[in-house]
């Protein structure tokens, strides 16, 4: 089963992503959530997710900085960037 990590500063968005998609039926386990890029760094290194869904604009550390910070340590992780901005 693939491991998924959801990173977004808005709890309602994280919950929506977690519960509106039947992840288990797709062979994916939601292994972790984080509310900003800094929080996500430690969790991602620890759980080694296969897929990360991350917001771009977040406080403390944005999604792009988060990816730059961990991509060398997570070479097989796929990152999907989400944005509500035009």
Protein backbone atom coordinates (compact mmCIF):
# COMPACT_ATOMS: atom_id res chain seq x y z
CA UNK A 1 0.00 0.00 0.00
CA UNK A 2 1.31 3.47 -0.92
CA UNK A 3 1.76 6.07 1.83
CA UNK A 4 0.28 9.55 1.39
CA UNK A 5 1.05 12.74 3.31
CA UNK A 6 -1.26 15.78 3.23
CA UNK A 7 0.24 19.22 3.95
CA UNK A 8 -2.00 22.30 4.22
CA UNK A 9 -2.34 25.08 6.76
CA UNK A 10 -6.14 24.92 6.67
CA UNK A 11 -7.56 22.03 8.71
CA UNK A 12 -10.80 21.95 6.71
CA UNK A 13 -8.82 21.46 3.48
CA UNK A 14 -6.75 18.66 5.03
CA UNK A 15 -9.90 16.95 6.25
CA UNK A 16 -11.55 17.37 2.86
CA UNK A 17 -8.61 15.76 1.09
CA UNK A 18 -8.46 12.96 3.64
CA UNK A 19 -12.14 12.05 3.70
CA UNK A 20 -13.54 12.97 0.26
CA UNK A 21 -11.36 10.52 -1.66
CA UNK A 22 -11.56 6.74 -1.00
CA UNK A 23 -7.80 6.40 -0.54
CA UNK A 24 -7.92 2.85 0.86
CA UNK A 25 -9.84 1.63 -2.19
CA UNK A 26 -7.04 3.09 -4.33
CA UNK A 27 -4.36 1.25 -2.38
CA UNK A 28 -3.23 4.38 -0.55
CA UNK A 29 -2.92 4.92 3.20
CA UNK A 30 -3.02 8.47 4.60
CA UNK A 31 0.09 8.13 6.74
CA UNK A 32 0.49 11.72 7.98
CA UNK A 33 -0.77 15.27 7.92
CA UNK A 34 1.07 18.52 8.56
CA UNK A 35 -0.04 22.15 8.89
CA UNK A 36 3.06 23.79 7.35
CA UNK A 37 6.25 22.92 5.54
CA UNK A 38 8.44 22.93 8.63
CA UNK A 39 6.15 20.47 10.44
CA UNK A 40 6.03 18.40 7.23
CA UNK A 41 9.83 18.14 6.93
CA UNK A 42 10.30 16.06 10.08
CA UNK A 43 7.24 13.90 9.41
CA UNK A 44 8.17 13.26 5.78
CA UNK A 45 11.71 12.18 6.62
CA UNK A 46 10.36 9.88 9.32
CA UNK A 47 7.52 8.20 7.37
CA UNK A 48 9.04 8.26 3.85
CA UNK A 49 5.74 8.89 1.97
CA UNK A 50 5.30 7.76 -1.61
CA UNK A 51 3.06 10.75 -2.41
CA UNK A 52 2.82 14.20 -0.82
CA UNK A 53 -0.08 16.56 -1.52
CA UNK A 54 1.06 20.00 -0.41
CA UNK A 55 -0.31 23.51 -0.51
CA UNK A 56 2.05 26.12 -1.91
CA UNK A 57 1.29 29.10 0.33
CA UNK A 58 1.54 28.30 4.05
CA UNK A 59 2.95 30.08 7.10
CA UNK A 60 6.38 29.28 8.56
CA UNK A 61 7.56 27.33 5.47
CA UNK A 62 5.76 27.22 2.13
CA UNK A 63 5.27 24.11 0.02
CA UNK A 64 8.02 24.91 -2.47
CA UNK A 65 10.58 25.46 0.30
CA UNK A 66 9.43 22.23 1.95
CA UNK A 67 9.99 20.27 -1.26
CA UNK A 68 13.43 21.85 -1.79
CA UNK A 69 14.35 20.97 1.78
CA UNK A 70 13.46 17.26 1.57
CA UNK A 71 13.67 16.19 -2.08
CA UNK A 72 17.27 14.93 -1.82
CA UNK A 73 16.35 12.77 1.17
CA UNK A 74 13.12 11.53 -0.47
CA UNK A 75 14.23 10.74 -4.04
CA UNK A 76 11.32 8.39 -4.77
CA UNK A 77 8.56 10.57 -3.30
CA UNK A 78 6.17 12.22 -5.75
CA UNK A 79 5.01 15.74 -4.86
CA UNK A 80 1.72 17.27 -5.97
CA UNK A 81 1.42 21.03 -5.43
CA UNK A 82 -2.00 22.52 -4.71
CA UNK A 83 -2.94 26.15 -4.98
CA UNK A 84 -6.04 28.27 -4.73
CA UNK A 85 -4.19 31.21 -6.25
CA UNK A 86 -4.35 32.27 -9.89
